[in-house]
Amino acid sequence: MKLRTIIGAASAAIAIASASPAPAHDVGDKVTTNFEQAIPNIPGKSLIAFIVDYPPGGASAAHTHAKSSFIYAYVVSGSIESKVNDGTTRVYKAGESWSEPPGASHPISRNASTTEPAKLLAVFVVDTDDKALTTPVK
Protein backbone atom coordinates (compact mmCIF):
# COMPACT_ATOMS: atom_id res chain seq x y z
CA MET A 1 0.00 0.00 0.00
CA LYS A 2 2.81 2.45 0.81
CA LEU A 3 4.53 1.65 -2.51
CA ARG A 4 1.29 2.45 -4.36
CA THR A 5 1.05 5.81 -2.53
CA ILE A 6 4.68 6.68 -3.33
CA ILE A 7 4.25 5.76 -7.00
CA GLY A 8 1.03 7.78 -7.18
CA ALA A 9 2.66 10.83 -5.60
CA ALA A 10 5.68 10.58 -7.90
CA SER A 11 3.43 10.26 -10.96
CA ALA A 12 1.43 13.31 -9.90
CA ALA A 13 4.61 15.33 -9.36
CA ILE A 14 5.92 14.37 -12.81
CA ALA A 15 2.60 15.27 -14.43
CA ILE A 16 2.50 18.67 -12.72
CA ALA A 17 6.14 19.42 -13.60
CA SER A 18 5.70 18.50 -17.24
CA ALA A 19 2.44 20.47 -17.56
CA SER A 20 3.93 23.66 -16.10
CA PRO A 21 5.77 25.96 -18.53
CA ALA A 22 9.51 26.15 -17.93
CA PRO A 23 10.61 29.47 -16.44
CA ALA A 24 12.56 31.77 -18.76
CA HIS A 25 15.72 31.49 -16.63
CA ASP A 26 16.08 27.82 -17.61
CA VAL A 27 17.68 29.16 -20.78
CA GLY A 28 21.42 28.95 -20.21
CA ASP A 29 24.39 31.07 -21.08
CA LYS A 30 27.31 30.60 -23.46
CA VAL A 31 30.78 31.13 -21.95
CA THR A 32 33.76 31.59 -24.26
CA THR A 33 37.37 32.07 -23.21
CA ASN A 34 38.55 35.38 -24.67
CA PHE A 35 42.08 35.64 -23.23
CA GLU A 36 44.37 33.61 -20.98
CA GLN A 37 47.88 34.63 -19.92
CA ALA A 38 50.19 34.08 -16.97
CA ILE A 39 51.08 37.42 -15.35
CA PRO A 40 54.86 37.64 -15.81
CA ASN A 41 55.60 39.90 -12.84
CA ILE A 42 53.30 38.06 -10.41
CA PRO A 43 54.50 34.44 -10.25
CA GLY A 44 51.69 31.89 -9.91
CA LYS A 45 48.94 34.29 -11.09
CA SER A 46 47.08 34.40 -14.41
CA LEU A 47 44.67 36.76 -16.11
CA ILE A 48 41.73 35.00 -17.79
CA ALA A 49 38.90 36.78 -19.61
CA PHE A 50 35.58 35.23 -20.58
CA ILE A 51 32.71 36.47 -22.70
CA VAL A 52 29.34 35.40 -21.30
CA ASP A 53 26.53 35.61 -23.85
CA TYR A 54 23.00 35.51 -22.46
CA PRO A 55 20.08 34.96 -24.82
CA PRO A 56 16.84 36.74 -23.93
CA GLY A 57 15.79 35.38 -20.53
CA GLY A 58 19.11 33.52 -20.19
CA ALA A 59 20.84 32.89 -16.88
CA SER A 60 23.86 31.26 -15.30
CA ALA A 61 23.23 28.60 -12.69
CA ALA A 62 24.02 29.71 -9.12
CA HIS A 63 27.73 29.18 -8.50
CA THR A 64 30.77 30.08 -6.46
CA HIS A 65 34.13 31.24 -7.79
CA ALA A 66 37.61 29.93 -7.01
CA LYS A 67 38.99 31.11 -3.68
CA SER A 68 41.92 32.75 -5.48
CA SER A 69 39.89 34.60 -8.11
CA PHE A 70 39.39 38.36 -8.06
CA ILE A 71 36.85 39.22 -10.78
CA TYR A 72 36.09 42.35 -12.74
CA ALA A 73 32.78 42.19 -14.66
CA TYR A 74 31.85 44.60 -17.48
CA VAL A 75 28.53 44.67 -19.33
CA VAL A 76 29.32 44.86 -23.03
CA SER A 77 25.70 45.00 -24.24
CA GLY A 78 22.20 44.69 -22.85
CA SER A 79 21.49 44.54 -19.11
CA ILE A 80 22.67 42.00 -16.55
CA GLU A 81 20.99 41.32 -13.21
CA SER A 82 23.57 40.23 -10.65
CA LYS A 83 23.89 39.42 -6.97
CA VAL A 84 27.24 38.71 -5.31
CA ASN A 85 27.38 37.01 -1.91
CA ASP A 86 24.67 38.50 0.34
CA GLY A 87 24.72 41.89 -1.43
CA THR A 88 21.76 43.52 -3.08
CA THR A 89 20.48 42.35 -6.44
CA ARG A 90 21.26 44.99 -9.04
CA VAL A 91 20.77 45.50 -12.77
CA TYR A 92 23.87 46.72 -14.64
CA LYS A 93 23.48 48.27 -18.09
CA ALA A 94 25.96 48.31 -21.00
CA GLY A 95 29.10 50.21 -19.96
CA GLU A 96 28.67 49.53 -16.23
CA SER A 97 30.87 47.22 -14.17
CA TRP A 98 31.45 45.67 -10.76
CA SER A 99 34.01 43.50 -8.98
CA GLU A 100 33.78 40.29 -7.00
CA PRO A 101 36.08 39.27 -4.13
CA PRO A 102 37.95 35.95 -4.09
CA GLY A 103 35.69 32.97 -3.41
CA ALA A 104 32.51 34.94 -4.11
CA SER A 105 29.12 33.28 -4.25
CA HIS A 106 27.05 34.25 -7.28
CA PRO A 107 23.42 33.27 -6.64
CA ILE A 108 22.07 35.51 -9.44
CA SER A 109 23.62 36.25 -12.83
CA ARG A 110 21.18 36.63 -15.67
CA ASN A 111 19.96 38.68 -18.58
CA ALA A 112 17.60 41.32 -17.22
CA SER A 113 15.64 41.25 -20.50
CA THR A 114 13.36 38.57 -21.88
CA THR A 115 13.45 40.12 -25.37
CA GLU A 116 17.06 41.28 -25.98
CA PRO A 117 20.38 39.41 -25.65
CA ALA A 118 23.09 40.56 -23.23
CA LYS A 119 26.87 40.17 -23.14
CA LEU A 120 29.27 40.27 -20.19
CA LEU A 121 33.08 40.38 -20.06
CA ALA A 122 34.37 38.64 -16.91
CA VAL A 123 38.09 39.13 -16.15
CA PHE A 124 39.65 36.84 -13.52
CA VAL A 125 42.95 37.32 -11.72
CA VAL A 126 43.48 33.82 -10.39
CA ASP A 127 46.06 31.32 -9.19
CA THR A 128 47.49 29.76 -12.36
CA ASP A 129 46.93 26.25 -10.96
CA ASP A 130 43.20 26.84 -10.32
CA LYS A 131 41.32 25.00 -13.05
CA ALA A 132 37.79 25.05 -11.59
CA LEU A 133 36.99 28.77 -11.71
CA THR A 134 33.27 28.22 -11.08
CA THR A 135 31.53 25.52 -9.05
CA PRO A 136 27.75 25.03 -9.25
CA VAL A 137 25.85 25.53 -6.00
CA LYS A 138 23.86 22.41 -5.15
C-alpha atoms as a PDB file:
ATOM      1  CA  MET A   1       0.000   0.000   0.000  1.00  0.00           C
ATOM      2  CA  LYS A   2       2.811   2.448   0.808  1.00  0.00           C
ATOM      3  CA  LEU A   3       4.527   1.649  -2.506  1.00  0.00           C
ATOM      4  CA  ARG A   4       1.290   2.446  -4.358  1.00  0.00           C
ATOM      5  CA  THR A   5       1.049   5.808  -2.526  1.00  0.00           C
ATOM      6  CA  ILE A   6       4.680   6.675  -3.329  1.00  0.00           C
ATOM      7  CA  ILE A   7       4.254   5.761  -7.004  1.00  0.00           C
ATOM      8  CA  GLY A   8       1.030   7.780  -7.177  1.00  0.00           C
ATOM      9  CA  ALA A   9       2.660  10.835  -5.596  1.00  0.00           C
ATOM     10  CA  ALA A  10       5.675  10.577  -7.900  1.00  0.00           C
ATOM     11  CA  SER A  11       3.428  10.263 -10.960  1.00  0.00           C
ATOM     12  CA  ALA A  12       1.431  13.307  -9.898  1.00  0.00           C
ATOM     13  CA  ALA A  13       4.615  15.331  -9.362  1.00  0.00           C
ATOM     14  CA  ILE A  14       5.917  14.372 -12.812  1.00  0.00           C
ATOM     15  CA  ALA A  15       2.596  15.271 -14.428  1.00  0.00           C
ATOM     16  CA  ILE A  16       2.504  18.673 -12.720  1.00  0.00           C
ATOM     17  CA  ALA A  17       6.135  19.421 -13.599  1.00  0.00           C
ATOM     18  CA  SER A  18       5.695  18.501 -17.242  1.00  0.00           C
ATOM     19  CA  ALA A  19       2.438  20.468 -17.557  1.00  0.00           C
ATOM     20  CA  SER A  20       3.934  23.660 -16.098  1.00  0.00           C
ATOM     21  CA  PRO A  21       5.766  25.965 -18.528  1.00  0.00           C
ATOM     22  CA  ALA A  22       9.507  26.146 -17.934  1.00  0.00           C
ATOM     23  CA  PRO A  23      10.613  29.475 -16.443  1.00  0.00           C
ATOM     24  CA  ALA A  24      12.562  31.771 -18.756  1.00  0.00           C
ATOM     25  CA  HIS A  25      15.718  31.490 -16.634  1.00  0.00           C
ATOM     26  CA  ASP A  26      16.084  27.818 -17.612  1.00  0.00           C
ATOM     27  CA  VAL A  27      17.680  29.161 -20.785  1.00  0.00           C
ATOM     28  CA  GLY A  28      21.425  28.954 -20.213  1.00  0.00           C
ATOM     29  CA  ASP A  29      24.386  31.070 -21.081  1.00  0.00           C
ATOM     30  CA  LYS A  30      27.309  30.602 -23.456  1.00  0.00           C
ATOM     31  CA  VAL A  31      30.776  31.127 -21.949  1.00  0.00           C
ATOM     32  CA  THR A  32      33.761  31.592 -24.264  1.00  0.00           C
ATOM     33  CA  THR A  33      37.374  32.073 -23.209  1.00  0.00           C
ATOM     34  CA  ASN A  34      38.554  35.377 -24.672  1.00  0.00           C
ATOM     35  CA  PHE A  35      42.077  35.637 -23.227  1.00  0.00           C
ATOM     36  CA  GLU A  36      44.371  33.611 -20.977  1.00  0.00           C
ATOM     37  CA  GLN A  37      47.883  34.626 -19.925  1.00  0.00           C
ATOM     38  CA  ALA A  38      50.190  34.078 -16.966  1.00  0.00           C
ATOM     39  CA  ILE A  39      51.079  37.420 -15.350  1.00  0.00           C
ATOM     40  CA  PRO A  40      54.856  37.644 -15.807  1.00  0.00           C
ATOM     41  CA  ASN A  41      55.602  39.897 -12.838  1.00  0.00           C
ATOM     42  CA  ILE A  42      53.295  38.057 -10.406  1.00  0.00           C
ATOM     43  CA  PRO A  43      54.498  34.439 -10.254  1.00  0.00           C
ATOM     44  CA  GLY A  44      51.692  31.893  -9.908  1.00  0.00           C
ATOM     45  CA  LYS A  45      48.944  34.286 -11.085  1.00  0.00           C
ATOM     46  CA  SER A  46      47.085  34.402 -14.409  1.00  0.00           C
ATOM     47  CA  LEU A  47      44.666  36.757 -16.112  1.00  0.00           C
ATOM     48  CA  ILE A  48      41.734  35.005 -17.786  1.00  0.00           C
ATOM     49  CA  ALA A  49      38.904  36.775 -19.611  1.00  0.00           C
ATOM     50  CA  PHE A  50      35.583  35.226 -20.576  1.00  0.00           C
ATOM     51  CA  ILE A  51      32.713  36.468 -22.704  1.00  0.00           C
ATOM     52  CA  VAL A  52      29.343  35.399 -21.299  1.00  0.00           C
ATOM     53  CA  ASP A  53      26.531  35.606 -23.850  1.00  0.00           C
ATOM     54  CA  TYR A  54      23.005  35.510 -22.464  1.00  0.00           C
ATOM     55  CA  PRO A  55      20.085  34.956 -24.820  1.00  0.00           C
ATOM     56  CA  PRO A  56      16.836  36.736 -23.927  1.00  0.00           C
ATOM     57  CA  GLY A  57      15.795  35.375 -20.531  1.00  0.00           C
ATOM     58  CA  GLY A  58      19.108  33.516 -20.195  1.00  0.00           C
ATOM     59  CA  ALA A  59      20.839  32.890 -16.878  1.00  0.00           C
ATOM     60  CA  SER A  60      23.862  31.261 -15.303  1.00  0.00           C
ATOM     61  CA  ALA A  61      23.229  28.601 -12.687  1.00  0.00           C
ATOM     62  CA  ALA A  62      24.021  29.708  -9.122  1.00  0.00           C
ATOM     63  CA  HIS A  63      27.726  29.176  -8.500  1.00  0.00           C
ATOM     64  CA  THR A  64      30.772  30.078  -6.462  1.00  0.00           C
ATOM     65  CA  HIS A  65      34.133  31.235  -7.787  1.00  0.00           C
ATOM     66  CA  ALA A  66      37.610  29.925  -7.012  1.00  0.00           C
ATOM     67  CA  LYS A  67      38.993  31.113  -3.675  1.00  0.00           C
ATOM     68  CA  SER A  68      41.919  32.747  -5.485  1.00  0.00           C
ATOM     69  CA  SER A  69      39.886  34.603  -8.114  1.00  0.00           C
ATOM     70  CA  PHE A  70      39.386  38.362  -8.062  1.00  0.00           C
ATOM     71  CA  ILE A  71      36.850  39.217 -10.776  1.00  0.00           C
ATOM     72  CA  TYR A  72      36.087  42.351 -12.743  1.00  0.00           C
ATOM     73  CA  ALA A  73      32.778  42.194 -14.656  1.00  0.00           C
ATOM     74  CA  TYR A  74      31.855  44.601 -17.478  1.00  0.00           C
ATOM     75  CA  VAL A  75      28.526  44.670 -19.330  1.00  0.00           C
ATOM     76  CA  VAL A  76      29.321  44.861 -23.033  1.00  0.00           C
ATOM     77  CA  SER A  77      25.700  44.996 -24.238  1.00  0.00           C
ATOM     78  CA  GLY A  78      22.203  44.687 -22.845  1.00  0.00           C
ATOM     79  CA  SER A  79      21.489  44.539 -19.107  1.00  0.00           C
ATOM     80  CA  ILE A  80      22.672  41.999 -16.546  1.00  0.00           C
ATOM     81  CA  GLU A  81      20.991  41.318 -13.215  1.00  0.00           C
ATOM     82  CA  SER A  82      23.573  40.234 -10.647  1.00  0.00           C
ATOM     83  CA  LYS A  83      23.886  39.421  -6.966  1.00  0.00           C
ATOM     84  CA  VAL A  84      27.236  38.711  -5.311  1.00  0.00           C
ATOM     85  CA  ASN A  85      27.375  37.010  -1.913  1.00  0.00           C
ATOM     86  CA  ASP A  86      24.674  38.502   0.338  1.00  0.00           C
ATOM     87  CA  GLY A  87      24.723  41.886  -1.429  1.00  0.00           C
ATOM     88  CA  THR A  88      21.759  43.519  -3.077  1.00  0.00           C
ATOM     89  CA  THR A  89      20.480  42.349  -6.438  1.00  0.00           C
ATOM     90  CA  ARG A  90      21.263  44.992  -9.042  1.00  0.00           C
ATOM     91  CA  VAL A  91      20.773  45.501 -12.771  1.00  0.00           C
ATOM     92  CA  TYR A  92      23.868  46.716 -14.644  1.00  0.00           C
ATOM     93  CA  LYS A  93      23.483  48.273 -18.092  1.00  0.00           C
ATOM     94  CA  ALA A  94      25.959  48.308 -20.997  1.00  0.00           C
ATOM     95  CA  GLY A  95      29.098  50.213 -19.956  1.00  0.00           C
ATOM     96  CA  GLU A  96      28.670  49.532 -16.226  1.00  0.00           C
ATOM     97  CA  SER A  97      30.872  47.218 -14.171  1.00  0.00           C
ATOM     98  CA  TRP A  98      31.449  45.666 -10.762  1.00  0.00           C
ATOM     99  CA  SER A  99      34.014  43.504  -8.978  1.00  0.00           C
ATOM    100  CA  GLU A 100      33.778  40.291  -7.003  1.00  0.00           C
ATOM    101  CA  PRO A 101      36.079  39.271  -4.132  1.00  0.00           C
ATOM    102  CA  PRO A 102      37.953  35.948  -4.093  1.00  0.00           C
ATOM    103  CA  GLY A 103      35.687  32.972  -3.406  1.00  0.00           C
ATOM    104  CA  ALA A 104      32.510  34.944  -4.110  1.00  0.00           C
ATOM    105  CA  SER A 105      29.115  33.284  -4.248  1.00  0.00           C
ATOM    106  CA  HIS A 106      27.050  34.250  -7.280  1.00  0.00           C
ATOM    107  CA  PRO A 107      23.418  33.269  -6.644  1.00  0.00           C
ATOM    108  CA  ILE A 108      22.073  35.506  -9.441  1.00  0.00           C
ATOM    109  CA  SER A 109      23.624  36.246 -12.827  1.00  0.00           C
ATOM    110  CA  ARG A 110      21.175  36.631 -15.670  1.00  0.00           C
ATOM    111  CA  ASN A 111      19.963  38.677 -18.577  1.00  0.00           C
ATOM    112  CA  ALA A 112      17.598  41.319 -17.219  1.00  0.00           C
ATOM    113  CA  SER A 113      15.643  41.255 -20.496  1.00  0.00           C
ATOM    114  CA  THR A 114      13.364  38.566 -21.880  1.00  0.00           C
ATOM    115  CA  THR A 115      13.451  40.116 -25.368  1.00  0.00           C
ATOM    116  CA  GLU A 116      17.060  41.279 -25.981  1.00  0.00           C
ATOM    117  CA  PRO A 117      20.383  39.412 -25.653  1.00  0.00           C
ATOM    118  CA  ALA A 118      23.092  40.564 -23.225  1.00  0.00           C
ATOM    119  CA  LYS A 119      26.874  40.170 -23.140  1.00  0.00           C
ATOM    120  CA  LEU A 120      29.267  40.274 -20.191  1.00  0.00           C
ATOM    121  CA  LEU A 121      33.076  40.378 -20.063  1.00  0.00           C
ATOM    122  CA  ALA A 122      34.374  38.643 -16.912  1.00  0.00           C
ATOM    123  CA  VAL A 123      38.086  39.126 -16.152  1.00  0.00           C
ATOM    124  CA  PHE A 124      39.650  36.838 -13.524  1.00  0.00           C
ATOM    125  CA  VAL A 125      42.954  37.321 -11.717  1.00  0.00           C
ATOM    126  CA  VAL A 126      43.479  33.818 -10.391  1.00  0.00           C
ATOM    127  CA  ASP A 127      46.064  31.324  -9.188  1.00  0.00           C
ATOM    128  CA  THR A 128      47.489  29.760 -12.356  1.00  0.00           C
ATOM    129  CA  ASP A 129      46.926  26.254 -10.965  1.00  0.00           C
ATOM    130  CA  ASP A 130      43.202  26.837 -10.321  1.00  0.00           C
ATOM    131  CA  LYS A 131      41.322  24.999 -13.052  1.00  0.00           C
ATOM    132  CA  ALA A 132      37.790  25.053 -11.594  1.00  0.00           C
ATOM    133  CA  LEU A 133      36.995  28.768 -11.710  1.00  0.00           C
ATOM    134  CA  THR A 134      33.272  28.225 -11.077  1.00  0.00           C
ATOM    135  CA  THR A 135      31.535  25.525  -9.054  1.00  0.00           C
ATOM    136  CA  PRO A 136      27.752  25.029  -9.247  1.00  0.00           C
ATOM    137  CA  VAL A 137      25.846  25.531  -5.999  1.00  0.00           C
ATOM    138  CA  LYS A 138      23.863  22.412  -5.146  1.00  0.00           C
END
